[in-house]
Amino acid sequence: MSLDTAYFIYFAIHVPLTLLIDDTFLIPQKYQLSVQKELYKYQVTHNKDFLAAELPIWMKYFVAVELIFQLPVFITCIISYLKSGPQKRISRCLYPFMLMYGFNAAFTSLQCLIYIYVQASSYELSTTEAYKLLGLYTPTFLIPFFMCADITSRLIKMSGDCKKEKVN
């Protein structure tokens, strides 16, 4: 499987997660669908996700960026992949947006991972519960981080000027 196919699958999975779970952090409860309320409740109670329960202002900001910037990137990359025909690639024109997404999502998730690691005991999570919650957030760091590195490498290879310049 190519990396573009993996990114396509990742984005395709992420769209419903964004629309059904993450946006509940910003949408007032009275406007949420019943499925959104149930998924949010499950996330908070079953996974003991104190970030979702507490919703610090910085988390709301990150979710707003996800809805305003990341969601359109997901959709645009999905469409690009589907239109690419037998090549099954995401357009190179979208690489800068994928790079920005990768950096933003990895940075956001890293903040969440650090906060969970540092604060888990304050919320009376057992070590097992803390590791479970860290395990849920870890892929949302690793995949975008890898994407950021991969797309950076692709952009450098595409740039002939970078190969000619010497870095002192």
C-alpha atoms as a PDB file:
ATOM      1  CA  MET A   1       0.000   0.000   0.000  1.00  0.00           C
ATOM      2  CA  SER A   2       1.344   3.431  -0.917  1.00  0.00           C
ATOM      3  CA  LEU A   3       1.620   6.208   1.639  1.00  0.00           C
ATOM      4  CA  ASP A   4      -0.950   8.227  -0.315  1.00  0.00           C
ATOM      5  CA  THR A   5      -3.395   5.339   0.016  1.00  0.00           C
ATOM      6  CA  ALA A   6      -2.687   5.189   3.756  1.00  0.00           C
ATOM      7  CA  TYR A   7      -3.276   8.951   4.026  1.00  0.00           C
ATOM      8  CA  PHE A   8      -6.501   8.595   2.044  1.00  0.00           C
ATOM      9  CA  ILE A   9      -7.748   5.920   4.463  1.00  0.00           C
ATOM     10  CA  TYR A  10      -6.660   8.005   7.464  1.00  0.00           C
ATOM     11  CA  PHE A  11      -8.491  11.082   6.159  1.00  0.00           C
ATOM     12  CA  ALA A  12     -11.586   9.034   5.256  1.00  0.00           C
ATOM     13  CA  ILE A  13     -11.733   7.659   8.808  1.00  0.00           C
ATOM     14  CA  HIS A  14     -11.003  11.048  10.344  1.00  0.00           C
ATOM     15  CA  VAL A  15     -13.897  12.910   8.658  1.00  0.00           C
ATOM     16  CA  PRO A  16     -16.686  11.084  10.534  1.00  0.00           C
ATOM     17  CA  LEU A  17     -14.671  11.194  13.770  1.00  0.00           C
ATOM     18  CA  THR A  18     -14.340  14.954  13.416  1.00  0.00           C
ATOM     19  CA  LEU A  19     -18.018  15.413  12.610  1.00  0.00           C
ATOM     20  CA  LEU A  20     -19.404  12.982  15.178  1.00  0.00           C
ATOM     21  CA  ILE A  21     -17.058  13.367  18.141  1.00  0.00           C
ATOM     22  CA  ASP A  22     -14.609  16.255  17.997  1.00  0.00           C
ATOM     23  CA  ASP A  23     -17.083  18.937  16.971  1.00  0.00           C
ATOM     24  CA  THR A  24     -19.182  18.167  20.079  1.00  0.00           C
ATOM     25  CA  PHE A  25     -16.508  20.068  21.997  1.00  0.00           C
ATOM     26  CA  LEU A  26     -17.781  23.267  20.356  1.00  0.00           C
ATOM     27  CA  ILE A  27     -21.421  22.615  19.443  1.00  0.00           C
ATOM     28  CA  PRO A  28     -23.865  23.380  22.269  1.00  0.00           C
ATOM     29  CA  GLN A  29     -25.491  20.171  23.527  1.00  0.00           C
ATOM     30  CA  LYS A  30     -28.978  21.246  22.469  1.00  0.00           C
ATOM     31  CA  TYR A  31     -27.806  21.285  18.812  1.00  0.00           C
ATOM     32  CA  GLN A  32     -25.998  17.943  18.904  1.00  0.00           C
ATOM     33  CA  LEU A  33     -27.377  14.801  17.314  1.00  0.00           C
ATOM     34  CA  SER A  34     -28.243  11.997  19.727  1.00  0.00           C
ATOM     35  CA  VAL A  35     -25.424   9.870  18.283  1.00  0.00           C
ATOM     36  CA  GLN A  36     -22.972  12.698  19.013  1.00  0.00           C
ATOM     37  CA  LYS A  37     -24.158  12.928  22.609  1.00  0.00           C
ATOM     38  CA  GLU A  38     -23.793   9.172  23.055  1.00  0.00           C
ATOM     39  CA  LEU A  39     -20.312   9.067  21.522  1.00  0.00           C
ATOM     40  CA  TYR A  40     -19.193  11.996  23.688  1.00  0.00           C
ATOM     41  CA  LYS A  41     -20.623  10.341  26.802  1.00  0.00           C
ATOM     42  CA  TYR A  42     -18.838   7.095  25.907  1.00  0.00           C
ATOM     43  CA  GLN A  43     -15.543   8.930  25.379  1.00  0.00           C
ATOM     44  CA  VAL A  44     -15.788  10.637  28.759  1.00  0.00           C
ATOM     45  CA  THR A  45     -17.106   7.724  30.839  1.00  0.00           C
ATOM     46  CA  HIS A  46     -15.613   4.605  29.229  1.00  0.00           C
ATOM     47  CA  ASN A  47     -12.229   6.105  28.317  1.00  0.00           C
ATOM     48  CA  LYS A  48     -12.137   8.443  31.346  1.00  0.00           C
ATOM     49  CA  ASP A  49     -11.159  11.262  29.000  1.00  0.00           C
ATOM     50  CA  PHE A  50     -10.863  14.183  31.385  1.00  0.00           C
ATOM     51  CA  LEU A  51      -9.762  16.436  28.522  1.00  0.00           C
ATOM     52  CA  ALA A  52     -13.119  15.908  26.820  1.00  0.00           C
ATOM     53  CA  ALA A  53     -14.966  16.295  30.123  1.00  0.00           C
ATOM     54  CA  GLU A  54     -13.078  19.402  31.228  1.00  0.00           C
ATOM     55  CA  LEU A  55     -12.649  21.060  27.815  1.00  0.00           C
ATOM     56  CA  PRO A  56      -9.921  23.566  28.632  1.00  0.00           C
ATOM     57  CA  ILE A  57      -9.949  26.683  26.458  1.00  0.00           C
ATOM     58  CA  TRP A  58      -6.807  25.577  24.603  1.00  0.00           C
ATOM     59  CA  MET A  59      -8.567  22.328  23.639  1.00  0.00           C
ATOM     60  CA  LYS A  60     -11.532  24.270  22.265  1.00  0.00           C
ATOM     61  CA  TYR A  61      -9.116  26.357  20.198  1.00  0.00           C
ATOM     62  CA  PHE A  62      -7.475  23.230  18.765  1.00  0.00           C
ATOM     63  CA  VAL A  63     -10.880  21.757  17.878  1.00  0.00           C
ATOM     64  CA  ALA A  64     -11.863  25.032  16.170  1.00  0.00           C
ATOM     65  CA  VAL A  65      -8.711  24.774  14.041  1.00  0.00           C
ATOM     66  CA  GLU A  66      -9.633  21.162  13.267  1.00  0.00           C
ATOM     67  CA  LEU A  67     -13.064  22.197  12.004  1.00  0.00           C
ATOM     68  CA  ILE A  68     -11.977  25.330  10.138  1.00  0.00           C
ATOM     69  CA  PHE A  69      -8.700  24.116   8.616  1.00  0.00           C
ATOM     70  CA  GLN A  70      -8.183  20.376   9.024  1.00  0.00           C
ATOM     71  CA  LEU A  71     -11.619  19.128   7.948  1.00  0.00           C
ATOM     72  CA  PRO A  72     -11.425  20.935   4.574  1.00  0.00           C
ATOM     73  CA  VAL A  73      -7.915  19.494   4.084  1.00  0.00           C
ATOM     74  CA  PHE A  74      -9.259  15.978   4.749  1.00  0.00           C
ATOM     75  CA  ILE A  75     -12.076  16.414   2.254  1.00  0.00           C
ATOM     76  CA  THR A  76      -9.878  18.026  -0.411  1.00  0.00           C
ATOM     77  CA  CYS A  77      -7.257  15.269  -0.127  1.00  0.00           C
ATOM     78  CA  ILE A  78      -9.935  12.562  -0.309  1.00  0.00           C
ATOM     79  CA  ILE A  79     -11.394  14.115  -3.466  1.00  0.00           C
ATOM     80  CA  SER A  80      -7.927  14.517  -5.003  1.00  0.00           C
ATOM     81  CA  TYR A  81      -7.104  10.867  -4.332  1.00  0.00           C
ATOM     82  CA  LEU A  82     -10.401   9.646  -5.783  1.00  0.00           C
ATOM     83  CA  LYS A  83      -9.961  11.783  -8.921  1.00  0.00           C
ATOM     84  CA  SER A  84      -6.372  10.661  -9.518  1.00  0.00           C
ATOM     85  CA  GLY A  85      -7.441   7.603 -11.475  1.00  0.00           C
ATOM     86  CA  PRO A  86      -5.146   4.587 -11.538  1.00  0.00           C
ATOM     87  CA  GLN A  87      -2.279   6.624 -10.052  1.00  0.00           C
ATOM     88  CA  LYS A  88      -4.061   6.707  -6.679  1.00  0.00           C
ATOM     89  CA  ARG A  89      -2.180   9.772  -5.467  1.00  0.00           C
ATOM     90  CA  ILE A  90      -2.981  12.927  -3.620  1.00  0.00           C
ATOM     91  CA  SER A  91      -2.120  15.960  -5.755  1.00  0.00           C
ATOM     92  CA  ARG A  92       1.269  17.514  -5.115  1.00  0.00           C
ATOM     93  CA  CYS A  93      -0.493  20.870  -5.007  1.00  0.00           C
ATOM     94  CA  LEU A  94      -1.972  19.770  -1.673  1.00  0.00           C
ATOM     95  CA  TYR A  95       1.383  18.905  -0.069  1.00  0.00           C
ATOM     96  CA  PRO A  96       1.754  22.303   1.668  1.00  0.00           C
ATOM     97  CA  PHE A  97      -1.685  21.847   3.244  1.00  0.00           C
ATOM     98  CA  MET A  98      -0.855  18.288   4.273  1.00  0.00           C
ATOM     99  CA  LEU A  99       2.379  19.560   5.813  1.00  0.00           C
ATOM    100  CA  MET A 100       0.516  22.243   7.760  1.00  0.00           C
ATOM    101  CA  TYR A 101      -2.061  19.665   8.842  1.00  0.00           C
ATOM    102  CA  GLY A 102       0.626  17.210   9.947  1.00  0.00           C
ATOM    103  CA  PHE A 103       2.452  19.822  11.984  1.00  0.00           C
ATOM    104  CA  ASN A 104      -0.715  21.248  13.535  1.00  0.00           C
ATOM    105  CA  ALA A 105      -2.253  17.876  14.396  1.00  0.00           C
ATOM    106  CA  ALA A 106       0.999  16.450  15.789  1.00  0.00           C
ATOM    107  CA  PHE A 107       1.561  19.582  17.887  1.00  0.00           C
ATOM    108  CA  THR A 108      -2.030  19.521  19.166  1.00  0.00           C
ATOM    109  CA  SER A 109      -1.875  15.841  20.060  1.00  0.00           C
ATOM    110  CA  LEU A 110       1.516  16.250  21.720  1.00  0.00           C
ATOM    111  CA  GLN A 111      -0.023  18.913  23.980  1.00  0.00           C
ATOM    112  CA  CYS A 112      -2.830  16.494  24.847  1.00  0.00           C
ATOM    113  CA  LEU A 113      -0.405  13.637  25.530  1.00  0.00           C
ATOM    114  CA  ILE A 114       1.726  15.778  27.832  1.00  0.00           C
ATOM    115  CA  TYR A 115      -1.336  17.094  29.665  1.00  0.00           C
ATOM    116  CA  ILE A 116      -2.725  13.573  30.140  1.00  0.00           C
ATOM    117  CA  TYR A 117       0.636  12.248  31.325  1.00  0.00           C
ATOM    118  CA  VAL A 118       1.138  15.079  33.817  1.00  0.00           C
ATOM    119  CA  GLN A 119      -2.459  15.420  35.035  1.00  0.00           C
ATOM    120  CA  ALA A 120      -3.825  11.842  35.018  1.00  0.00           C
ATOM    121  CA  SER A 121      -3.219  11.310  38.729  1.00  0.00           C
ATOM    122  CA  SER A 122      -4.985  14.609  39.525  1.00  0.00           C
ATOM    123  CA  TYR A 123      -8.112  13.119  37.950  1.00  0.00           C
ATOM    124  CA  GLU A 124      -7.661   9.902  39.944  1.00  0.00           C
ATOM    125  CA  LEU A 125      -6.910   7.740  36.926  1.00  0.00           C
ATOM    126  CA  SER A 126      -5.107   4.509  37.653  1.00  0.00           C
ATOM    127  CA  THR A 127      -1.892   3.832  35.779  1.00  0.00           C
ATOM    128  CA  THR A 128      -3.785   1.436  33.499  1.00  0.00           C
ATOM    129  CA  GLU A 129      -6.507   4.024  32.786  1.00  0.00           C
ATOM    130  CA  ALA A 130      -3.892   6.702  32.090  1.00  0.00           C
ATOM    131  CA  TYR A 131      -2.037   4.424  29.666  1.00  0.00           C
ATOM    132  CA  LYS A 132      -5.301   3.517  27.954  1.00  0.00           C
ATOM    133  CA  LEU A 133      -6.097   7.207  27.448  1.00  0.00           C
ATOM    134  CA  LEU A 134      -2.552   7.896  26.258  1.00  0.00           C
ATOM    135  CA  GLY A 135      -2.974   4.987  23.841  1.00  0.00           C
ATOM    136  CA  LEU A 136      -6.081   6.596  22.366  1.00  0.00           C
ATOM    137  CA  TYR A 137      -4.298   9.900  21.750  1.00  0.00           C
ATOM    138  CA  THR A 138      -0.940   8.483  20.581  1.00  0.00           C
ATOM    139  CA  PRO A 139      -1.979   7.600  16.982  1.00  0.00           C
ATOM    140  CA  THR A 140      -3.284  11.159  16.546  1.00  0.00           C
ATOM    141  CA  PHE A 141       0.279  12.277  17.244  1.00  0.00           C
ATOM    142  CA  LEU A 142       2.274   9.599  15.417  1.00  0.00           C
ATOM    143  CA  ILE A 143       0.392   9.549  12.103  1.00  0.00           C
ATOM    144  CA  PRO A 144       0.410  13.352  11.572  1.00  0.00           C
ATOM    145  CA  PHE A 145       4.040  13.525  12.752  1.00  0.00           C
ATOM    146  CA  PHE A 146       5.022  10.878  10.200  1.00  0.00           C
ATOM    147  CA  MET A 147       2.965  12.697   7.535  1.00  0.00           C
ATOM    148  CA  CYS A 148       4.754  15.939   8.351  1.00  0.00           C
ATOM    149  CA  ALA A 149       8.166  14.275   7.938  1.00  0.00           C
ATOM    150  CA  ASP A 150       7.119  12.445   4.755  1.00  0.00           C
ATOM    151  CA  ILE A 151       5.617  15.503   3.070  1.00  0.00           C
ATOM    152  CA  THR A 152       8.622  17.629   4.073  1.00  0.00           C
ATOM    153  CA  SER A 153      10.858  15.055   2.385  1.00  0.00           C
ATOM    154  CA  ARG A 154       8.680  15.063  -0.740  1.00  0.00           C
ATOM    155  CA  LEU A 155       8.713  18.863  -0.943  1.00  0.00           C
ATOM    156  CA  ILE A 156      12.496  18.967  -0.582  1.00  0.00           C
ATOM    157  CA  LYS A 157      12.891  16.391  -3.367  1.00  0.00           C
ATOM    158  CA  MET A 158      10.551  18.420  -5.593  1.00  0.00           C
ATOM    159  CA  SER A 159      12.580  21.573  -5.108  1.00  0.00           C
ATOM    160  CA  GLY A 160      15.564  21.708  -7.438  1.00  0.00           C
ATOM    161  CA  ASP A 161      16.750  24.903  -5.773  1.00  0.00           C
ATOM    162  CA  CYS A 162      17.242  23.140  -2.457  1.00  0.00           C
ATOM    163  CA  LYS A 163      19.606  20.646  -4.063  1.00  0.00           C
ATOM    164  CA  LYS A 164      21.745  23.421  -5.561  1.00  0.00           C
ATOM    165  CA  GLU A 165      22.029  25.518  -2.378  1.00  0.00           C
ATOM    166  CA  LYS A 166      24.629  24.752   0.244  1.00  0.00           C
ATOM    167  CA  VAL A 167      23.628  25.156   3.855  1.00  0.00           C
ATOM    168  CA  ASN A 168      26.400  26.726   5.933  1.00  0.00           C
END
